[in-house]
Amino acid sequence: MVPALVAAVVLCVYAAFALREHQRFGTTGYDLGIFGQGVRAYAELRMPGSEIRTATAPPGFSGDAYPLLGDHFHPVLALLAPLYLVAPHVETLLVAQAALVAGSAYVLARAAGRHLGKPWAALSLGLAYGFSWGLQELVAFDFHEVAFAVPILALSCAAYLDGRWVAAAWWAAGLVLVKEDLGATAAVMGLLLLRHHRRAGLTLFAGAVAATGSSPWW
C-alpha cells in the first residue's frame, strides 16, 4: 500500500510538471524531438532515425534521417512504441519518463519497508528518493533514455539486498540496452556479485565489458 502511494505521488507530480513545462514551451525541441522521432520510427516498424539529429550529424553523413543507434545504443526505447501508437505525441515520452521514475520509487519504498520493517521508513525513504535532486534534474531535462536505467538499477539493487543474486545480475544486464556507457555500471554490479555468486558475477562482468567495448562499432 505505502509503496504504491509513493509511486502515485511521484508519478502525478512529475507528470504534471513535465506536461506543464511542455505546455509553456519550457521543453527544448532538440532532445525531445530526436527521441520523439526515434520512438515514432519504432512504432512504424522502422529503424530509429531523426531528421533533427541530421542537422548536427558528423561530417560525411548523407541522408534525411540520422540513424540513432549509430549515435547512442538505446534499443530499450522500442518499449515505448506501443504507447506511442496509442498516443502519438511527444507528451507520451514525458509521461512515460515520470512513470519510470515512479516505478523505481515503488521498488525502493518496497525494499525499505521489507528490510526495515516499518511503513514510515518505506514512506519517508521512498519520497526522499523519488524527489531527490538527481531525479528532479532528470525530469527537468525533457526526456532522456537514461530514465529506463532508473527502475532497472532499482530492481537490481533490490534483488541484491534480498540475496537473489542471479536476479540481480539479470536486471543489471538490462542496463546495456539503455545506453552504451551503462555497461560500466553493470560491470560494477558484476564485481559486487563475485563474492556471493561467482558464476553470475563473472558472466555479468564479462558481458557488460564486452557490450561496452563493442559499442564503437554500432
N, C-alpha and C. Protein backbone atom coordinates (compact mmCIF):
# COMPACT_ATOMS: atom_id res chain seq x y z
N MET A 1 0.82 -1.20 0.00
CA MET A 1 0.00 0.00 0.00
C MET A 1 0.86 1.26 0.00
N VAL A 2 1.83 1.32 0.93
CA VAL A 2 2.70 2.50 1.02
C VAL A 2 3.55 2.68 -0.23
N PRO A 3 4.22 1.64 -0.74
CA PRO A 3 4.99 1.82 -1.98
C PRO A 3 4.14 2.31 -3.14
N ALA A 4 2.91 1.81 -3.25
CA ALA A 4 2.02 2.25 -4.33
C ALA A 4 1.66 3.72 -4.16
N LEU A 5 1.46 4.14 -2.91
CA LEU A 5 1.16 5.55 -2.64
C LEU A 5 2.33 6.43 -3.03
N VAL A 6 3.54 6.01 -2.66
CA VAL A 6 4.75 6.76 -3.03
C VAL A 6 4.85 6.89 -4.54
N ALA A 7 4.66 5.79 -5.25
CA ALA A 7 4.76 5.81 -6.71
C ALA A 7 3.71 6.71 -7.32
N ALA A 8 2.50 6.68 -6.78
CA ALA A 8 1.42 7.51 -7.32
C ALA A 8 1.72 8.99 -7.15
N VAL A 9 2.23 9.36 -5.99
CA VAL A 9 2.57 10.77 -5.74
C VAL A 9 3.68 11.23 -6.67
N VAL A 10 4.74 10.42 -6.78
CA VAL A 10 5.86 10.77 -7.65
C VAL A 10 5.41 10.89 -9.10
N LEU A 11 4.60 9.94 -9.55
CA LEU A 11 4.10 9.97 -10.93
C LEU A 11 3.28 11.22 -11.20
N CYS A 12 2.35 11.53 -10.33
CA CYS A 12 1.46 12.68 -10.55
C CYS A 12 2.25 13.99 -10.56
N VAL A 13 3.16 14.15 -9.61
CA VAL A 13 3.93 15.40 -9.53
C VAL A 13 4.82 15.57 -10.74
N TYR A 14 5.56 14.54 -11.10
CA TYR A 14 6.50 14.66 -12.22
C TYR A 14 5.78 14.75 -13.56
N ALA A 15 4.70 14.01 -13.73
CA ALA A 15 3.96 14.09 -14.99
C ALA A 15 3.33 15.46 -15.15
N ALA A 16 2.75 15.99 -14.06
CA ALA A 16 2.15 17.32 -14.13
C ALA A 16 3.20 18.38 -14.42
N PHE A 17 4.36 18.26 -13.79
CA PHE A 17 5.44 19.23 -14.02
C PHE A 17 5.91 19.18 -15.47
N ALA A 18 6.17 17.97 -15.97
CA ALA A 18 6.69 17.83 -17.33
C ALA A 18 5.70 18.33 -18.37
N LEU A 19 4.43 17.98 -18.20
CA LEU A 19 3.42 18.43 -19.16
C LEU A 19 3.21 19.93 -19.09
N ARG A 20 3.28 20.49 -17.90
CA ARG A 20 3.15 21.94 -17.75
C ARG A 20 4.32 22.66 -18.39
N GLU A 21 5.52 22.14 -18.19
CA GLU A 21 6.70 22.75 -18.82
C GLU A 21 6.59 22.70 -20.34
N HIS A 22 6.11 21.60 -20.85
CA HIS A 22 5.96 21.48 -22.31
C HIS A 22 4.88 22.44 -22.82
N GLN A 23 3.81 22.57 -22.05
CA GLN A 23 2.71 23.45 -22.46
C GLN A 23 3.16 24.91 -22.52
N ARG A 24 4.05 25.28 -21.61
CA ARG A 24 4.52 26.67 -21.59
C ARG A 24 5.83 26.84 -22.36
N PHE A 25 6.13 25.89 -23.26
CA PHE A 25 7.32 25.94 -24.11
C PHE A 25 8.62 25.91 -23.31
N GLY A 26 8.58 25.22 -22.18
CA GLY A 26 9.78 25.09 -21.37
C GLY A 26 10.67 23.93 -21.79
N THR A 27 10.16 23.08 -22.69
CA THR A 27 10.98 21.98 -23.19
C THR A 27 11.72 22.42 -24.45
N THR A 28 12.77 21.69 -24.78
CA THR A 28 13.54 22.02 -25.98
C THR A 28 13.12 21.09 -27.12
N GLY A 29 13.23 21.58 -28.32
CA GLY A 29 12.85 20.77 -29.46
C GLY A 29 13.91 19.77 -29.86
N TYR A 30 15.13 19.92 -29.32
CA TYR A 30 16.23 19.09 -29.79
C TYR A 30 16.14 17.66 -29.25
N ASP A 31 16.42 17.47 -27.97
CA ASP A 31 16.43 16.11 -27.42
C ASP A 31 15.04 15.48 -27.46
N LEU A 32 14.05 16.22 -27.01
CA LEU A 32 12.69 15.67 -27.01
C LEU A 32 12.24 15.35 -28.43
N GLY A 33 12.58 16.22 -29.36
CA GLY A 33 12.22 15.97 -30.76
C GLY A 33 12.94 14.77 -31.33
N ILE A 34 14.22 14.64 -31.02
CA ILE A 34 15.00 13.50 -31.52
C ILE A 34 14.44 12.18 -31.00
N PHE A 35 14.20 12.11 -29.71
CA PHE A 35 13.67 10.87 -29.14
C PHE A 35 12.25 10.61 -29.63
N GLY A 36 11.48 11.67 -29.81
CA GLY A 36 10.14 11.51 -30.35
C GLY A 36 10.15 10.90 -31.74
N GLN A 37 11.08 11.36 -32.59
CA GLN A 37 11.19 10.80 -33.93
C GLN A 37 11.69 9.36 -33.89
N GLY A 38 12.59 9.07 -32.96
CA GLY A 38 13.09 7.71 -32.83
C GLY A 38 12.01 6.73 -32.40
N VAL A 39 11.21 7.12 -31.40
CA VAL A 39 10.13 6.25 -30.93
C VAL A 39 9.06 6.09 -32.01
N ARG A 40 8.79 7.16 -32.74
CA ARG A 40 7.82 7.07 -33.84
C ARG A 40 8.29 6.07 -34.89
N ALA A 41 9.59 6.07 -35.17
CA ALA A 41 10.13 5.11 -36.14
C ALA A 41 9.93 3.67 -35.65
N TYR A 42 10.19 3.43 -34.37
CA TYR A 42 9.94 2.09 -33.82
C TYR A 42 8.46 1.72 -33.96
N ALA A 43 7.59 2.68 -33.67
CA ALA A 43 6.15 2.42 -33.76
C ALA A 43 5.73 2.08 -35.19
N GLU A 44 6.45 2.62 -36.16
CA GLU A 44 6.16 2.35 -37.57
C GLU A 44 7.00 1.20 -38.11
N LEU A 45 7.64 0.45 -37.19
CA LEU A 45 8.46 -0.72 -37.54
C LEU A 45 9.61 -0.35 -38.47
N ARG A 46 10.21 0.80 -38.22
CA ARG A 46 11.40 1.23 -38.95
C ARG A 46 12.56 1.34 -37.99
N MET A 47 13.77 1.31 -38.52
CA MET A 47 14.94 1.57 -37.69
C MET A 47 14.89 3.02 -37.22
N PRO A 48 15.28 3.28 -35.97
CA PRO A 48 15.15 4.64 -35.44
C PRO A 48 16.08 5.63 -36.13
N GLY A 49 15.50 6.72 -36.57
CA GLY A 49 16.28 7.78 -37.21
C GLY A 49 15.66 9.12 -36.88
N SER A 50 16.43 10.18 -37.06
CA SER A 50 15.94 11.52 -36.73
C SER A 50 16.43 12.54 -37.73
N GLU A 51 15.49 13.27 -38.31
CA GLU A 51 15.84 14.37 -39.20
C GLU A 51 16.44 15.53 -38.42
N ILE A 52 16.01 15.69 -37.16
CA ILE A 52 16.56 16.76 -36.32
C ILE A 52 18.04 16.50 -36.04
N ARG A 53 18.38 15.26 -35.74
CA ARG A 53 19.78 14.92 -35.46
C ARG A 53 20.65 15.09 -36.70
N THR A 54 20.06 14.99 -37.87
CA THR A 54 20.82 15.15 -39.11
C THR A 54 21.47 16.52 -39.19
N ALA A 55 20.83 17.52 -38.59
CA ALA A 55 21.36 18.89 -38.65
C ALA A 55 22.72 19.00 -37.99
N THR A 56 23.02 18.14 -37.02
CA THR A 56 24.31 18.17 -36.33
C THR A 56 25.06 16.86 -36.53
N ALA A 57 24.80 16.19 -37.64
CA ALA A 57 25.45 14.91 -37.92
C ALA A 57 26.93 15.12 -38.21
N PRO A 58 27.76 14.10 -37.99
CA PRO A 58 29.19 14.21 -38.28
C PRO A 58 29.44 14.48 -39.76
N PRO A 59 30.57 15.06 -40.09
CA PRO A 59 30.89 15.32 -41.50
C PRO A 59 30.90 14.02 -42.31
N GLY A 60 30.38 14.11 -43.50
CA GLY A 60 30.36 12.95 -44.37
C GLY A 60 29.05 12.20 -44.39
N PHE A 61 28.16 12.49 -43.42
CA PHE A 61 26.88 11.80 -43.42
C PHE A 61 25.97 12.38 -44.49
N SER A 62 25.33 11.51 -45.23
CA SER A 62 24.37 11.95 -46.23
C SER A 62 23.10 11.14 -46.07
N GLY A 63 22.00 11.82 -45.98
CA GLY A 63 20.73 11.14 -45.77
C GLY A 63 19.75 12.08 -45.11
N ASP A 64 18.51 11.66 -45.04
CA ASP A 64 17.48 12.50 -44.44
C ASP A 64 17.40 12.33 -42.93
N ALA A 65 17.46 11.09 -42.47
CA ALA A 65 17.32 10.80 -41.05
C ALA A 65 18.58 10.13 -40.52
N TYR A 66 19.21 10.74 -39.54
CA TYR A 66 20.42 10.18 -38.95
C TYR A 66 20.06 8.94 -38.13
N PRO A 67 20.75 7.82 -38.33
CA PRO A 67 20.44 6.59 -37.58
C PRO A 67 20.80 6.73 -36.11
N LEU A 68 19.80 6.67 -35.26
CA LEU A 68 20.02 6.96 -33.84
C LEU A 68 20.82 5.87 -33.13
N LEU A 69 20.73 4.63 -33.58
CA LEU A 69 21.54 3.58 -32.95
C LEU A 69 23.02 3.77 -33.25
N GLY A 70 23.34 4.56 -34.25
CA GLY A 70 24.73 4.91 -34.52
C GLY A 70 25.19 6.10 -33.71
N ASP A 71 24.24 6.79 -33.10
CA ASP A 71 24.56 7.92 -32.23
C ASP A 71 24.77 7.43 -30.80
N HIS A 72 23.76 6.76 -30.27
CA HIS A 72 23.85 6.09 -28.97
C HIS A 72 23.08 4.77 -29.08
N PHE A 73 23.57 3.77 -28.36
CA PHE A 73 22.93 2.45 -28.42
C PHE A 73 21.85 2.38 -27.35
N HIS A 74 20.60 2.60 -27.74
CA HIS A 74 19.50 2.60 -26.79
C HIS A 74 18.26 1.88 -27.35
N PRO A 75 18.39 0.59 -27.68
CA PRO A 75 17.24 -0.14 -28.23
C PRO A 75 16.07 -0.26 -27.26
N VAL A 76 16.30 0.02 -25.98
CA VAL A 76 15.22 -0.05 -24.99
C VAL A 76 14.09 0.91 -25.33
N LEU A 77 14.38 1.95 -26.12
CA LEU A 77 13.35 2.91 -26.50
C LEU A 77 12.21 2.25 -27.27
N ALA A 78 12.48 1.10 -27.87
CA ALA A 78 11.43 0.40 -28.62
C ALA A 78 10.25 0.02 -27.72
N LEU A 79 10.48 -0.07 -26.41
CA LEU A 79 9.40 -0.42 -25.49
C LEU A 79 8.33 0.66 -25.44
N LEU A 80 8.67 1.86 -25.87
CA LEU A 80 7.69 2.95 -25.86
C LEU A 80 6.82 2.95 -27.11
N ALA A 81 7.16 2.15 -28.09
CA ALA A 81 6.42 2.14 -29.36
C ALA A 81 4.93 1.84 -29.18
N PRO A 82 4.54 0.83 -28.39
CA PRO A 82 3.09 0.58 -28.22
C PRO A 82 2.36 1.77 -27.62
N LEU A 83 2.99 2.45 -26.65
CA LEU A 83 2.36 3.63 -26.07
C LEU A 83 2.22 4.74 -27.10
N TYR A 84 3.25 4.87 -27.95
CA TYR A 84 3.22 5.92 -28.97
C TYR A 84 2.13 5.64 -30.00
N LEU A 85 1.86 4.38 -30.28
CA LEU A 85 0.78 4.04 -31.21
C LEU A 85 -0.58 4.48 -30.66
N VAL A 86 -0.73 4.38 -29.34
CA VAL A 86 -1.99 4.79 -28.70
C VAL A 86 -2.09 6.30 -28.63
N ALA A 87 -0.98 6.95 -28.27
CA ALA A 87 -0.95 8.41 -28.14
C ALA A 87 0.29 8.93 -28.86
N PRO A 88 0.20 9.18 -30.17
CA PRO A 88 1.37 9.58 -30.96
C PRO A 88 1.78 11.03 -30.78
N HIS A 89 2.24 11.35 -29.59
CA HIS A 89 2.67 12.71 -29.26
C HIS A 89 3.90 12.63 -28.37
N VAL A 90 4.72 13.68 -28.38
CA VAL A 90 5.92 13.67 -27.53
C VAL A 90 5.55 13.71 -26.06
N GLU A 91 4.34 14.17 -25.74
CA GLU A 91 3.91 14.16 -24.35
C GLU A 91 3.90 12.74 -23.78
N THR A 92 3.71 11.77 -24.64
CA THR A 92 3.75 10.37 -24.20
C THR A 92 5.09 10.03 -23.60
N LEU A 93 6.17 10.55 -24.19
CA LEU A 93 7.51 10.29 -23.66
C LEU A 93 7.68 10.94 -22.30
N LEU A 94 7.13 12.14 -22.12
CA LEU A 94 7.26 12.84 -20.85
C LEU A 94 6.55 12.09 -19.73
N VAL A 95 5.35 11.61 -20.01
CA VAL A 95 4.60 10.85 -19.01
C VAL A 95 5.28 9.51 -18.74
N ALA A 96 5.80 8.89 -19.79
CA ALA A 96 6.50 7.61 -19.62
C ALA A 96 7.72 7.77 -18.73
N GLN A 97 8.45 8.87 -18.90
CA GLN A 97 9.62 9.12 -18.07
C GLN A 97 9.22 9.27 -16.60
N ALA A 98 8.13 10.00 -16.36
CA ALA A 98 7.63 10.14 -14.99
C ALA A 98 7.24 8.79 -14.41
N ALA A 99 6.64 7.93 -15.24
CA ALA A 99 6.24 6.60 -14.78
C ALA A 99 7.45 5.73 -14.46
N LEU A 100 8.50 5.85 -15.25
CA LEU A 100 9.72 5.07 -14.99
C LEU A 100 10.35 5.48 -13.66
N VAL A 101 10.40 6.77 -13.40
CA VAL A 101 10.93 7.25 -12.12
C VAL A 101 10.04 6.79 -10.98
N ALA A 102 8.73 6.89 -11.16
CA ALA A 102 7.80 6.46 -10.13
C ALA A 102 7.93 4.96 -9.86
N GLY A 103 8.16 4.20 -10.91
CA GLY A 103 8.36 2.76 -10.73
C GLY A 103 9.57 2.45 -9.88
N SER A 104 10.64 3.20 -10.09
CA SER A 104 11.84 2.98 -9.28
C SER A 104 11.59 3.37 -7.83
N ALA A 105 10.78 4.41 -7.60
CA ALA A 105 10.43 4.81 -6.24
C ALA A 105 9.62 3.72 -5.55
N TYR A 106 8.75 3.07 -6.31
CA TYR A 106 7.97 1.95 -5.77
C TYR A 106 8.89 0.82 -5.32
N VAL A 107 9.85 0.48 -6.17
CA VAL A 107 10.78 -0.61 -5.84
C VAL A 107 11.58 -0.28 -4.58
N LEU A 108 12.08 0.96 -4.51
CA LEU A 108 12.89 1.34 -3.35
C LEU A 108 12.05 1.37 -2.08
N ALA A 109 10.84 1.94 -2.15
CA ALA A 109 9.98 2.01 -0.97
C ALA A 109 9.61 0.61 -0.50
N ARG A 110 9.35 -0.28 -1.43
CA ARG A 110 9.01 -1.66 -1.07
C ARG A 110 10.19 -2.36 -0.40
N ALA A 111 11.38 -2.14 -0.94
CA ALA A 111 12.57 -2.74 -0.34
C ALA A 111 12.83 -2.18 1.06
N ALA A 112 12.62 -0.86 1.21
CA ALA A 112 12.82 -0.24 2.52
C ALA A 112 11.85 -0.80 3.54
N GLY A 113 10.59 -0.93 3.16
CA GLY A 113 9.59 -1.47 4.08
C GLY A 113 9.87 -2.92 4.45
N ARG A 114 10.36 -3.68 3.48
CA ARG A 114 10.64 -5.10 3.71
C ARG A 114 11.84 -5.30 4.63
N HIS A 115 12.87 -4.51 4.45
CA HIS A 115 14.11 -4.71 5.20
C HIS A 115 14.13 -3.95 6.53
N LEU A 116 13.43 -2.83 6.60
CA LEU A 116 13.40 -2.06 7.84
C LEU A 116 12.17 -2.38 8.68
N GLY A 117 11.16 -2.97 8.05
CA GLY A 117 10.00 -3.45 8.79
C GLY A 117 9.05 -2.40 9.29
N LYS A 118 9.14 -1.17 8.80
CA LYS A 118 8.26 -0.11 9.28
C LYS A 118 7.68 0.67 8.09
N PRO A 119 6.36 0.88 8.09
CA PRO A 119 5.73 1.61 6.98
C PRO A 119 6.27 3.03 6.82
N TRP A 120 6.59 3.68 7.95
CA TRP A 120 7.08 5.06 7.84
C TRP A 120 8.44 5.11 7.15
N ALA A 121 9.21 4.05 7.29
CA ALA A 121 10.51 4.00 6.61
C ALA A 121 10.31 3.91 5.10
N ALA A 122 9.36 3.09 4.69
CA ALA A 122 9.07 2.98 3.26
C ALA A 122 8.57 4.31 2.71
N LEU A 123 7.70 4.98 3.46
CA LEU A 123 7.15 6.25 3.01
C LEU A 123 8.21 7.34 2.92
N SER A 124 8.97 7.51 4.00
CA SER A 124 9.95 8.60 4.05
C SER A 124 11.09 8.37 3.07
N LEU A 125 11.63 7.17 3.03
CA LEU A 125 12.73 6.89 2.12
C LEU A 125 12.28 6.90 0.66
N GLY A 126 11.08 6.39 0.43
CA GLY A 126 10.55 6.39 -0.94
C GLY A 126 10.36 7.79 -1.47
N LEU A 127 9.78 8.68 -0.66
CA LEU A 127 9.57 10.06 -1.09
C LEU A 127 10.88 10.82 -1.19
N ALA A 128 11.79 10.58 -0.23
CA ALA A 128 13.09 11.26 -0.27
C ALA A 128 13.85 10.87 -1.53
N TYR A 129 13.78 9.61 -1.88
CA TYR A 129 14.43 9.16 -3.12
C TYR A 129 13.71 9.72 -4.34
N GLY A 130 12.39 9.58 -4.35
CA GLY A 130 11.62 9.99 -5.52
C GLY A 130 11.77 11.46 -5.87
N PHE A 131 11.96 12.29 -4.85
CA PHE A 131 12.10 13.73 -5.10
C PHE A 131 13.53 14.20 -4.83
N SER A 132 14.47 13.29 -4.97
CA SER A 132 15.88 13.67 -4.80
C SER A 132 16.34 14.54 -5.96
N TRP A 133 17.44 15.26 -5.73
CA TRP A 133 17.91 16.23 -6.72
C TRP A 133 18.21 15.59 -8.07
N GLY A 134 18.84 14.44 -8.05
CA GLY A 134 19.20 13.78 -9.31
C GLY A 134 17.99 13.45 -10.16
N LEU A 135 16.93 12.95 -9.53
CA LEU A 135 15.73 12.61 -10.29
C LEU A 135 14.98 13.85 -10.73
N GLN A 136 15.01 14.89 -9.91
CA GLN A 136 14.40 16.16 -10.33
C GLN A 136 15.09 16.69 -11.58
N GLU A 137 16.41 16.60 -11.61
CA GLU A 137 17.16 17.07 -12.78
C GLU A 137 16.85 16.21 -14.01
N LEU A 138 16.66 14.93 -13.81
CA LEU A 138 16.31 14.04 -14.92
C LEU A 138 14.99 14.46 -15.54
N VAL A 139 13.99 14.66 -14.70
CA VAL A 139 12.66 15.03 -15.20
C VAL A 139 12.68 16.42 -15.82
N ALA A 140 13.50 17.31 -15.27
CA ALA A 140 13.57 18.67 -15.80
C ALA A 140 14.26 18.72 -17.16
N PHE A 141 15.00 17.65 -17.51
CA PHE A 141 15.72 17.62 -18.78
C PHE A 141 14.84 16.98 -19.87
N ASP A 142 13.63 17.44 -20.01
CA ASP A 142 12.74 16.95 -21.06
C ASP A 142 12.62 15.43 -21.02
N PHE A 143 13.31 14.73 -21.91
CA PHE A 143 13.28 13.26 -21.91
C PHE A 143 14.68 12.75 -22.22
N HIS A 144 15.05 11.65 -21.57
CA HIS A 144 16.35 11.06 -21.84
C HIS A 144 16.23 9.56 -21.63
N GLU A 145 16.96 8.80 -22.46
CA GLU A 145 16.87 7.34 -22.38
C GLU A 145 17.33 6.79 -21.04
N VAL A 146 18.16 7.54 -20.32
CA VAL A 146 18.67 7.06 -19.03
C VAL A 146 17.53 6.86 -18.03
N ALA A 147 16.35 7.40 -18.32
CA ALA A 147 15.20 7.18 -17.43
C ALA A 147 14.90 5.69 -17.29
N PHE A 148 15.18 4.91 -18.33
CA PHE A 148 14.96 3.47 -18.24
C PHE A 148 15.93 2.81 -17.27
N ALA A 149 17.10 3.39 -17.09
CA ALA A 149 18.09 2.80 -16.20
C ALA A 149 17.67 2.89 -14.75
N VAL A 150 16.84 3.87 -14.41
CA VAL A 150 16.48 4.10 -13.01
C VAL A 150 15.71 2.92 -12.43
N PRO A 151 14.60 2.47 -13.02
CA PRO A 151 13.93 1.30 -12.44
C PRO A 151 14.72 0.01 -12.59
N ILE A 152 15.49 -0.12 -13.68
CA ILE A 152 16.29 -1.33 -13.86
C ILE A 152 17.33 -1.45 -12.75
N LEU A 153 18.01 -0.35 -12.46
CA LEU A 153 19.01 -0.37 -11.40
C LEU A 153 18.37 -0.58 -10.04
N ALA A 154 17.20 0.02 -9.84
CA ALA A 154 16.49 -0.17 -8.57
C ALA A 154 16.11 -1.64 -8.37
N LEU A 155 15.64 -2.28 -9.42
CA LEU A 155 15.28 -3.70 -9.33
C LEU A 155 16.50 -4.57 -9.08
N SER A 156 17.62 -4.23 -9.71
CA SER A 156 18.85 -4.99 -9.50
C SER A 156 19.33 -4.85 -8.06
N CYS A 157 19.31 -3.63 -7.55
CA CYS A 157 19.77 -3.40 -6.17
C CYS A 157 18.83 -4.05 -5.16
N ALA A 158 17.52 -4.01 -5.43
CA ALA A 158 16.57 -4.65 -4.52
C ALA A 158 16.80 -6.16 -4.49
N ALA A 159 17.05 -6.74 -5.65
CA ALA A 159 17.34 -8.18 -5.69
C ALA A 159 18.63 -8.49 -4.94
N TYR A 160 19.61 -7.61 -5.05
CA TYR A 160 20.88 -7.80 -4.33
C TYR A 160 20.64 -7.78 -2.82
N LEU A 161 19.83 -6.83 -2.36
CA LEU A 161 19.52 -6.75 -0.92
C LEU A 161 18.79 -8.00 -0.44
N ASP A 162 17.96 -8.56 -1.31
CA ASP A 162 17.20 -9.76 -0.94
C ASP A 162 18.03 -11.04 -1.02
N GLY A 163 19.25 -10.93 -1.56
CA GLY A 163 20.07 -12.12 -1.72
C GLY A 163 19.71 -12.93 -2.95
N ARG A 164 18.98 -12.33 -3.88
CA ARG A 164 18.63 -13.01 -5.13
C ARG A 164 19.69 -12.64 -6.17
N TRP A 165 20.81 -13.32 -6.09
CA TRP A 165 21.99 -12.91 -6.85
C TRP A 165 21.80 -13.03 -8.36
N VAL A 166 21.21 -14.10 -8.81
CA VAL A 166 21.01 -14.28 -10.26
C VAL A 166 20.04 -13.23 -10.80
N ALA A 167 18.98 -12.96 -10.05
CA ALA A 167 18.03 -11.93 -10.47
C ALA A 167 18.70 -10.56 -10.54
N ALA A 168 19.56 -10.28 -9.56
CA ALA A 168 20.29 -9.01 -9.57
C ALA A 168 21.14 -8.88 -10.82
N ALA A 169 21.77 -9.99 -11.22
CA ALA A 169 22.60 -9.97 -12.43
C ALA A 169 21.76 -9.77 -13.69
N TRP A 170 20.63 -10.45 -13.76
CA TRP A 170 19.78 -10.31 -14.94
C TRP A 170 19.27 -8.89 -15.09
N TRP A 171 18.82 -8.30 -13.99
CA TRP A 171 18.33 -6.92 -14.08
C TRP A 171 19.45 -5.97 -14.48
N ALA A 172 20.62 -6.13 -13.90
CA ALA A 172 21.74 -5.25 -14.24
C ALA A 172 22.15 -5.40 -15.69
N ALA A 173 22.02 -6.61 -16.23
CA ALA A 173 22.37 -6.83 -17.64
C ALA A 173 21.52 -5.98 -18.57
N GLY A 174 20.32 -5.66 -18.14
CA GLY A 174 19.45 -4.84 -18.97
C GLY A 174 19.96 -3.43 -19.18
N LEU A 175 20.90 -3.00 -18.36
CA LEU A 175 21.43 -1.64 -18.49
C LEU A 175 22.15 -1.43 -19.82
N VAL A 176 22.73 -2.49 -20.38
CA VAL A 176 23.47 -2.33 -21.64
C VAL A 176 22.55 -2.02 -22.80
N LEU A 177 21.24 -2.21 -22.63
CA LEU A 177 20.28 -1.88 -23.67
C LEU A 177 19.76 -0.45 -23.54
N VAL A 178 20.16 0.22 -22.48
CA VAL A 178 19.71 1.60 -22.24
C VAL A 178 20.64 2.61 -22.89
N LYS A 179 21.93 2.42 -22.67
CA LYS A 179 22.93 3.30 -23.29
C LYS A 179 24.28 2.61 -23.18
N GLU A 180 25.13 2.87 -24.16
CA GLU A 180 26.38 2.11 -24.25
C GLU A 180 27.29 2.29 -23.04
N ASP A 181 27.28 3.45 -22.40
CA ASP A 181 28.19 3.67 -21.29
C ASP A 181 27.70 3.05 -19.98
N LEU A 182 26.46 2.59 -19.94
CA LEU A 182 25.94 1.98 -18.72
C LEU A 182 26.44 0.56 -18.51
N GLY A 183 27.18 0.05 -19.49
CA GLY A 183 27.83 -1.23 -19.28
C GLY A 183 28.81 -1.17 -18.12
N ALA A 184 29.38 0.01 -17.88
CA ALA A 184 30.30 0.18 -16.75
C ALA A 184 29.58 -0.03 -15.43
N THR A 185 28.35 0.49 -15.34
CA THR A 185 27.56 0.30 -14.12
C THR A 185 27.21 -1.17 -13.93
N ALA A 186 26.84 -1.84 -15.02
CA ALA A 186 26.53 -3.27 -14.93
C ALA A 186 27.76 -4.07 -14.52
N ALA A 187 28.93 -3.66 -15.00
CA ALA A 187 30.17 -4.36 -14.64
C ALA A 187 30.45 -4.24 -13.15
N VAL A 188 30.16 -3.08 -12.58
CA VAL A 188 30.36 -2.89 -11.13
C VAL A 188 29.46 -3.84 -10.35
N MET A 189 28.21 -3.98 -10.79
CA MET A 189 27.32 -4.93 -10.12
C MET A 189 27.88 -6.34 -10.23
N GLY A 190 28.48 -6.65 -11.38
CA GLY A 190 29.10 -7.96 -11.54
C GLY A 190 30.21 -8.19 -10.53
N LEU A 191 31.01 -7.16 -10.29
CA LEU A 191 32.08 -7.28 -9.30
C LEU A 191 31.52 -7.48 -7.90
N LEU A 192 30.43 -6.78 -7.58
CA LEU A 192 29.81 -6.93 -6.27
C LEU A 192 29.25 -8.35 -6.08
N LEU A 193 28.78 -8.93 -7.17
CA LEU A 193 28.19 -10.27 -7.09
C LEU A 193 29.22 -11.38 -6.97
N LEU A 194 30.47 -11.09 -7.28
CA LEU A 194 31.50 -12.13 -7.28
C LEU A 194 31.62 -12.82 -5.93
N ARG A 195 31.45 -12.09 -4.86
CA ARG A 195 31.63 -12.67 -3.53
C ARG A 195 30.43 -13.52 -3.10
N HIS A 196 29.33 -13.40 -3.82
CA HIS A 196 28.12 -14.14 -3.45
C HIS A 196 27.77 -15.24 -4.44
N HIS A 197 27.91 -14.95 -5.73
CA HIS A 197 27.57 -15.92 -6.77
C HIS A 197 28.56 -15.73 -7.91
N ARG A 198 29.63 -16.51 -7.86
CA ARG A 198 30.75 -16.28 -8.78
C ARG A 198 30.34 -16.37 -10.25
N ARG A 199 29.53 -17.35 -10.58
CA ARG A 199 29.17 -17.52 -11.99
C ARG A 199 28.35 -16.32 -12.50
N ALA A 200 27.36 -15.90 -11.71
CA ALA A 200 26.54 -14.76 -12.12
C ALA A 200 27.38 -13.49 -12.21
N GLY A 201 28.27 -13.31 -11.23
CA GLY A 201 29.11 -12.12 -11.24
C GLY A 201 30.06 -12.07 -12.42
N LEU A 202 30.71 -13.20 -12.69
CA LEU A 202 31.66 -13.25 -13.81
C LEU A 202 30.95 -13.08 -15.15
N THR A 203 29.81 -13.73 -15.29
CA THR A 203 29.06 -13.62 -16.55
C THR A 203 28.61 -12.20 -16.79
N LEU A 204 28.07 -11.56 -15.75
CA LEU A 204 27.62 -10.17 -15.89
C LEU A 204 28.79 -9.25 -16.19
N PHE A 205 29.88 -9.41 -15.47
CA PHE A 205 31.04 -8.54 -15.68
C PHE A 205 31.58 -8.69 -17.10
N ALA A 206 31.77 -9.93 -17.54
CA ALA A 206 32.32 -10.16 -18.87
C ALA A 206 31.38 -9.65 -19.96
N GLY A 207 30.09 -9.91 -19.79
CA GLY A 207 29.13 -9.45 -20.78
C GLY A 207 29.04 -7.94 -20.86
N ALA A 208 29.08 -7.29 -19.70
CA ALA A 208 29.00 -5.82 -19.67
C ALA A 208 30.23 -5.19 -20.30
N VAL A 209 31.40 -5.73 -20.00
CA VAL A 209 32.63 -5.21 -20.59
C VAL A 209 32.62 -5.42 -22.10
N ALA A 210 32.17 -6.58 -22.54
CA ALA A 210 32.12 -6.86 -23.98
C ALA A 210 31.14 -5.94 -24.68
N ALA A 211 29.99 -5.70 -24.05
CA ALA A 211 28.99 -4.83 -24.66
C ALA A 211 29.50 -3.40 -24.78
N THR A 212 30.16 -2.93 -23.72
CA THR A 212 30.70 -1.57 -23.75
C THR A 212 31.84 -1.46 -24.74
N GLY A 213 32.69 -2.48 -24.77
CA GLY A 213 33.83 -2.44 -25.69
C GLY A 213 33.44 -2.50 -27.15
N SER A 214 32.32 -3.14 -27.44
CA SER A 214 31.89 -3.26 -28.84
C SER A 214 31.03 -2.09 -29.30
N SER A 215 30.66 -1.20 -28.39
CA SER A 215 29.75 -0.10 -28.74
C SER A 215 30.27 0.82 -29.84
N PRO A 216 31.59 1.07 -29.96
CA PRO A 216 32.04 1.96 -31.05
C PRO A 216 31.75 1.42 -32.44
N TRP A 217 31.46 0.12 -32.55
CA TRP A 217 31.20 -0.45 -33.88
C TRP A 217 29.73 -0.42 -34.25
N TRP A 218 28.88 0.12 -33.36
CA TRP A 218 27.47 0.22 -33.69
C TRP A 218 27.23 1.47 -34.52
